[in-house]
Protein backbone atom coordinates (compact mmCIF):
# COMPACT_ATOMS: atom_id res chain seq x y z
CA UNK A 1 -54.17 -42.09 -25.97
CA UNK A 2 -51.85 -41.47 -23.02
CA UNK A 3 -48.84 -39.25 -23.70
CA UNK A 4 -45.80 -41.30 -22.78
CA UNK A 5 -43.79 -38.13 -22.19
CA UNK A 6 -46.15 -36.70 -19.58
CA UNK A 7 -43.69 -37.43 -16.77
CA UNK A 8 -41.30 -34.77 -17.99
CA UNK A 9 -43.67 -32.13 -19.30
CA UNK A 10 -43.67 -29.01 -17.10
CA UNK A 11 -46.91 -28.30 -15.26
CA UNK A 12 -49.01 -25.29 -16.16
CA UNK A 13 -47.47 -22.09 -14.83
CA UNK A 14 -44.05 -23.71 -14.28
CA UNK A 15 -42.13 -21.09 -16.34
CA UNK A 16 -43.59 -18.28 -14.20
CA UNK A 17 -42.67 -20.02 -10.95
CA UNK A 18 -39.20 -20.85 -12.32
CA UNK A 19 -38.64 -17.18 -13.24
CA UNK A 20 -39.76 -16.11 -9.77
CA UNK A 21 -37.30 -18.48 -8.09
CA UNK A 22 -34.54 -17.32 -10.44
CA UNK A 23 -35.01 -13.69 -9.38
CA UNK A 24 -34.74 -14.74 -5.72
CA UNK A 25 -31.43 -16.52 -6.27
CA UNK A 26 -28.66 -14.09 -5.31
CA UNK A 27 -25.89 -16.15 -6.89
CA UNK A 28 -27.81 -16.54 -10.14
CA UNK A 29 -28.70 -12.84 -10.40
CA UNK A 30 -25.19 -11.65 -9.50
CA UNK A 31 -23.55 -14.20 -11.79
CA UNK A 32 -25.83 -13.32 -14.68
CA UNK A 33 -25.17 -9.60 -14.15
CA UNK A 34 -21.38 -10.04 -14.17
CA UNK A 35 -21.55 -12.28 -17.23
CA UNK A 36 -23.88 -9.87 -19.03
CA UNK A 37 -21.45 -6.96 -18.51
CA UNK A 38 -18.68 -8.73 -20.40
CA UNK A 39 -21.02 -10.14 -23.05
CA UNK A 40 -22.29 -6.62 -23.73
CA UNK A 41 -18.71 -5.32 -23.82
CA UNK A 42 -17.86 -7.97 -26.40
CA UNK A 43 -20.91 -7.13 -28.52
CA UNK A 44 -20.32 -3.39 -28.34
CA UNK A 45 -16.69 -3.90 -29.43
CA UNK A 46 -17.92 -5.06 -32.84
CA UNK A 47 -19.36 -1.58 -33.40
CA UNK A 48 -17.31 0.75 -31.21
CA UNK A 49 -14.29 0.95 -28.92
CA UNK A 50 -12.89 4.12 -27.30
CA UNK A 51 -9.67 3.75 -29.32
CA UNK A 52 -8.29 1.65 -32.15
CA UNK A 53 -6.73 -1.45 -30.54
CA UNK A 54 -4.21 -1.77 -33.39
CA UNK A 55 -3.01 1.83 -33.14
CA UNK A 56 0.33 2.59 -31.48
CA UNK A 57 0.82 5.82 -29.53
CA UNK A 58 4.32 5.74 -28.05
CA UNK A 59 3.95 9.24 -26.62
CA UNK A 60 1.21 7.97 -24.28
CA UNK A 61 2.68 4.57 -23.39
CA UNK A 62 2.38 3.11 -19.87
CA UNK A 63 0.05 5.82 -18.64
CA UNK A 64 -2.10 5.16 -15.57
CA UNK A 65 -5.88 5.51 -15.49
CA UNK A 66 -7.04 8.96 -16.57
CA UNK A 67 -10.02 10.74 -18.05
CA UNK A 68 -8.74 10.00 -21.57
CA UNK A 69 -7.91 6.36 -20.82
CA UNK A 70 -10.03 5.13 -17.87
CA UNK A 71 -7.93 1.96 -17.45
CA UNK A 72 -4.63 3.43 -18.65
CA UNK A 73 -2.43 2.45 -21.59
CA UNK A 74 0.06 -0.35 -22.26
CA UNK A 75 3.71 -0.28 -23.40
CA UNK A 76 2.63 0.57 -26.96
CA UNK A 77 0.25 3.33 -25.88
CA UNK A 78 -2.84 1.24 -26.66
CA UNK A 79 -5.97 1.87 -24.62
CA UNK A 80 -6.43 -0.99 -22.13
CA UNK A 81 -10.22 -0.55 -21.91
CA UNK A 82 -10.54 -0.99 -25.67
CA UNK A 83 -8.27 -4.04 -25.58
CA UNK A 84 -10.29 -5.63 -22.76
CA UNK A 85 -13.50 -5.11 -24.74
CA UNK A 86 -12.08 -6.80 -27.84
CA UNK A 87 -10.39 -9.44 -25.66
CA UNK A 88 -13.81 -10.27 -24.19
CA UNK A 89 -15.01 -10.99 -27.73
CA UNK A 90 -12.15 -13.43 -28.30
CA UNK A 91 -12.44 -15.22 -24.95
CA UNK A 92 -16.21 -15.60 -25.11
CA UNK A 93 -16.17 -16.77 -28.72
CA UNK A 94 -13.47 -19.39 -28.08
CA UNK A 95 -15.18 -20.70 -24.94
CA UNK A 96 -18.66 -20.70 -26.52
CA UNK A 97 -17.63 -22.63 -29.62
CA UNK A 98 -15.50 -25.03 -27.58
CA UNK A 99 -18.47 -25.83 -25.32
CA UNK A 100 -20.62 -26.24 -28.43
CA UNK A 101 -18.15 -28.79 -29.80
CA UNK A 102 -18.19 -30.66 -26.50
CA UNK A 103 -21.98 -30.80 -26.45
CA UNK A 104 -22.35 -31.64 -30.14
CA UNK A 105 -20.16 -34.74 -29.84
CA UNK A 106 -20.34 -35.60 -26.14
CA UNK A 107 -24.12 -35.63 -25.67
CA UNK A 108 -24.83 -38.12 -28.54
CA UNK A 109 -21.98 -40.33 -27.32
CA UNK A 110 -23.37 -40.31 -23.78
CA UNK A 111 -26.90 -41.10 -24.96
CA UNK A 112 -25.56 -43.88 -27.19
CA UNK A 113 -23.49 -45.41 -24.38
CA UNK A 114 -26.44 -45.31 -21.94
CA UNK A 115 -28.75 -46.94 -24.47
CA UNK A 116 -26.21 -49.76 -24.93
CA UNK A 117 -25.14 -50.10 -21.30
CA UNK A 118 -22.78 -53.03 -20.75
CA UNK A 119 -22.10 -53.55 -24.45
CA UNK A 120 -18.76 -53.33 -26.23
CA UNK A 121 -19.81 -49.93 -27.60
CA UNK A 122 -20.38 -48.63 -24.07
CA UNK A 123 -16.95 -49.87 -22.99
CA UNK A 124 -15.20 -48.31 -25.98
CA UNK A 125 -16.85 -44.92 -25.42
CA UNK A 126 -16.19 -44.81 -21.69
CA UNK A 127 -12.62 -46.11 -21.90
CA UNK A 128 -11.96 -43.51 -24.59
CA UNK A 129 -13.23 -40.86 -22.18
CA UNK A 130 -10.94 -42.24 -19.46
CA UNK A 131 -7.99 -42.03 -21.84
CA UNK A 132 -8.63 -38.34 -22.53
CA UNK A 133 -9.09 -37.63 -18.80
CA UNK A 134 -5.78 -39.34 -18.03
CA UNK A 135 -3.82 -36.43 -19.52
CA UNK A 136 -3.75 -32.86 -18.18
CA UNK A 137 -6.11 -30.97 -20.46
CA UNK A 138 -4.12 -27.72 -20.66
CA UNK A 139 -0.86 -29.55 -21.41
CA UNK A 140 -2.44 -31.50 -24.27
CA UNK A 141 -4.13 -28.33 -25.53
CA UNK A 142 -0.71 -26.68 -25.61
CA UNK A 143 0.65 -29.71 -27.51
CA UNK A 144 -2.15 -29.57 -30.10
CA UNK A 145 -1.77 -25.85 -30.74
CA UNK A 146 2.02 -26.21 -30.84
CA UNK A 147 1.76 -28.91 -33.53
CA UNK A 148 -0.85 -27.25 -35.73
CA UNK A 149 0.19 -23.67 -35.06
CA UNK A 150 -0.97 -20.96 -32.67
CA UNK A 151 -4.36 -19.47 -33.52
CA UNK A 152 -7.80 -18.93 -32.03
CA UNK A 153 -9.23 -21.72 -34.22
CA UNK A 154 -6.72 -24.28 -32.97
CA UNK A 155 -7.37 -23.13 -29.40
CA UNK A 156 -11.08 -23.76 -29.96
CA UNK A 157 -10.43 -27.28 -31.28
CA UNK A 158 -8.01 -28.09 -28.46
CA UNK A 159 -10.40 -26.91 -25.72
CA UNK A 160 -13.42 -28.46 -27.45
CA UNK A 161 -11.80 -31.91 -27.55
CA UNK A 162 -11.57 -31.98 -23.76
CA UNK A 163 -15.18 -30.90 -23.37
CA UNK A 164 -16.40 -34.00 -25.25
CA UNK A 165 -15.73 -36.59 -22.50
CA UNK A 166 -17.13 -34.23 -19.84
CA UNK A 167 -20.51 -34.04 -21.55
CA UNK A 168 -20.41 -37.70 -22.59
CA UNK A 169 -19.95 -38.91 -19.00
CA UNK A 170 -22.53 -36.49 -17.61
CA UNK A 171 -25.12 -37.44 -20.23
CA UNK A 172 -24.56 -41.16 -19.75
CA UNK A 173 -24.80 -40.85 -15.96
CA UNK A 174 -28.07 -38.91 -16.14
CA UNK A 175 -29.52 -41.13 -18.87
CA UNK A 176 -28.85 -44.41 -17.06
CA UNK A 177 -31.24 -43.51 -14.23
CA UNK A 178 -33.93 -42.45 -16.70
CA UNK A 179 -33.90 -45.73 -18.62
CA UNK A 180 -35.58 -47.33 -15.57
CA UNK A 181 -38.46 -44.85 -15.45
CA UNK A 182 -41.99 -45.99 -16.14
CA UNK A 183 -42.54 -43.69 -19.12
CA UNK A 184 -39.39 -45.04 -20.80
CA UNK A 185 -40.49 -48.63 -20.18
CA UNK A 186 -43.89 -47.73 -21.62
CA UNK A 187 -42.23 -46.27 -24.70
CA UNK A 188 -40.26 -49.47 -25.20
CA UNK A 189 -43.43 -51.52 -24.90
CA UNK A 190 -45.03 -49.24 -27.50
CA UNK A 191 -42.31 -50.29 -29.93
CA UNK A 192 -40.08 -47.23 -29.93
CA UNK A 193 -36.41 -47.84 -30.66
CA UNK A 194 -33.49 -46.81 -28.46
CA UNK A 195 -32.60 -43.82 -30.64
CA UNK A 196 -36.12 -42.42 -30.63
CA UNK A 197 -36.48 -42.93 -26.88
CA UNK A 198 -33.16 -41.19 -26.29
CA UNK A 199 -34.22 -38.15 -28.31
CA UNK A 200 -37.86 -37.90 -27.19
CA UNK A 201 -37.67 -38.99 -23.55
CA UNK A 202 -34.08 -39.07 -22.25
CA UNK A 203 -32.58 -35.91 -23.74
CA UNK A 204 -35.31 -33.51 -22.46
CA UNK A 205 -34.74 -34.80 -18.93
CA UNK A 206 -30.96 -34.31 -18.93
CA UNK A 207 -31.11 -30.85 -20.51
CA UNK A 208 -31.01 -29.12 -17.11
CA UNK A 209 -27.82 -31.00 -16.21
CA UNK A 210 -26.27 -30.03 -19.53
CA UNK A 211 -27.13 -26.34 -19.08
CA UNK A 212 -25.49 -26.21 -15.65
CA UNK A 213 -22.40 -28.12 -16.81
CA UNK A 214 -22.23 -26.00 -19.94
CA UNK A 215 -22.00 -22.86 -17.80
CA UNK A 216 -19.15 -24.36 -15.78
CA UNK A 217 -17.30 -25.53 -18.89
CA UNK A 218 -17.76 -22.05 -20.35
CA UNK A 219 -15.81 -20.56 -17.44
CA UNK A 220 -13.13 -23.24 -17.74
CA UNK A 221 -12.92 -22.51 -21.47
CA UNK A 222 -12.20 -18.84 -20.77
CA UNK A 223 -9.44 -19.85 -18.35
CA UNK A 224 -8.01 -22.31 -20.88
CA UNK A 225 -8.04 -19.69 -23.64
CA UNK A 226 -6.30 -17.22 -21.35
CA UNK A 227 -3.69 -19.86 -20.49
CA UNK A 228 -3.02 -20.67 -24.15
CA UNK A 229 -2.78 -16.98 -25.04
CA UNK A 230 -0.46 -16.41 -22.10
CA UNK A 231 2.09 -18.82 -23.61
CA UNK A 232 1.51 -17.43 -27.11
CA UNK A 233 -0.65 -20.24 -28.50
CA UNK A 234 -4.03 -18.53 -28.58
CA UNK A 235 -5.28 -15.58 -30.64
CA UNK A 236 -2.36 -13.92 -32.39
CA UNK A 237 -1.43 -10.22 -32.66
CA UNK A 238 -2.80 -7.73 -33.45
CA UNK A 239 -5.97 -9.29 -31.98
CA UNK A 240 -6.02 -8.49 -28.24
CA UNK A 241 -6.32 -11.35 -25.77
CA UNK A 242 -6.62 -11.22 -21.99
CA UNK A 243 -3.99 -13.92 -21.53
CA UNK A 244 -1.47 -12.23 -23.78
CA UNK A 245 -2.09 -8.90 -22.06
CA UNK A 246 -1.06 -10.56 -18.81
CA UNK A 247 2.01 -12.07 -20.43
CA UNK A 248 3.10 -8.72 -21.88
CA UNK A 249 2.67 -6.95 -18.55
CA UNK A 250 4.50 -9.39 -16.28
CA UNK A 251 7.90 -7.68 -16.64
CA UNK A 252 6.40 -4.24 -15.96
CA UNK A 253 4.16 -5.04 -13.02
CA UNK A 254 6.42 -3.22 -10.53
CA UNK A 255 6.02 0.20 -12.18
CA UNK A 256 2.83 -0.31 -14.26
CA UNK A 257 0.58 -2.63 -12.20
CA UNK A 258 -2.54 -1.46 -14.04
CA UNK A 259 -1.40 -3.35 -17.15
CA UNK A 260 -1.82 -6.67 -15.33
CA UNK A 261 -4.52 -5.67 -12.86
CA UNK A 262 -7.33 -4.90 -15.28
CA UNK A 263 -6.97 -7.92 -17.63
CA UNK A 264 -6.64 -10.12 -14.54
CA UNK A 265 -9.80 -8.63 -13.06
CA UNK A 266 -11.62 -9.19 -16.37
CA UNK A 267 -10.74 -12.90 -16.27
CA UNK A 268 -11.56 -13.16 -12.57
CA UNK A 269 -14.94 -11.44 -12.77
CA UNK A 270 -16.04 -13.30 -15.90
CA UNK A 271 -15.16 -16.70 -14.47
CA UNK A 272 -16.69 -15.75 -11.10
CA UNK A 273 -19.90 -14.64 -12.81
CA UNK A 274 -20.19 -17.87 -14.80
CA UNK A 275 -19.51 -20.03 -11.74
CA UNK A 276 -22.06 -18.13 -9.68
CA UNK A 277 -24.56 -18.48 -12.48
CA UNK A 278 -23.83 -22.21 -12.70
CA UNK A 279 -24.40 -22.61 -8.95
CA UNK A 280 -27.63 -20.65 -9.21
CA UNK A 281 -28.89 -22.74 -12.11
CA UNK A 282 -28.00 -25.94 -10.27
CA UNK A 283 -29.99 -24.83 -7.23
CA UNK A 284 -32.84 -23.68 -9.45
CA UNK A 285 -33.18 -26.94 -11.37
CA UNK A 286 -32.48 -29.37 -8.51
CA UNK A 287 -35.68 -29.95 -6.46
CA UNK A 288 -33.60 -30.96 -3.42
CA UNK A 289 -31.85 -27.55 -3.39
CA UNK A 290 -34.71 -25.22 -4.27
CA UNK A 291 -35.17 -24.16 -0.68
CA UNK A 292 -31.74 -22.51 -0.79
CA UNK A 293 -32.50 -20.14 -3.68
């Protein structure tokens, strides 16, 4: 019996060729390396940091980079390197869970809307997405956290809500073209329902799109978390946060620039790494762009 999913099964040896192209992609390798540095810093911070991030050492406050404190200290004498390591944990966790929320709700909605194209359900889902997109995401995130209280959990919920329509629209767009493919038509003739076709035939073919978009939304989630923490609505003290480190250093930047420089660089390099990795993955998965990798 013919396998109706044969059109999207990878040919023999495809993973090896894919890995070879990945290693040749400069943007993918550089982006993955930058991202891995901060992921490792976050993981290591669970077990070890050079200094206690909750400890106050007024005698050593606002010290520049030195052998004892490679990135210097802040206005409470806390080690900035240790705070950046723990801050990486917070930023990555918030962004990761927020993207997970967006995928968990947005992908099923997009598949559902594509399967019922032109129906009232499709209109309700897409107009709901338009309604969410009509408002500035960061402003509404600030409103949500202001209503329910500042915390990392509320920041996750606020950022996750705005990831839902992104993944819903992307999934629907990719799925609509696949519903016209021969293997999908064959599955319908074989008596498979819309839900089963969506899971067995549509979802595997939009996974690459979701991976690339997930990487981009991850970087936007880190920026959003930093923005919420900057205005005091993200992770609360004594938990370090890159955004709050920037906020605390803004009045001292003229005589202690290192306090703002290093958290800012952490945000910049992490977001840059994720965006480069997203571009590399897009080129890797898109047949039209493979010659560029």
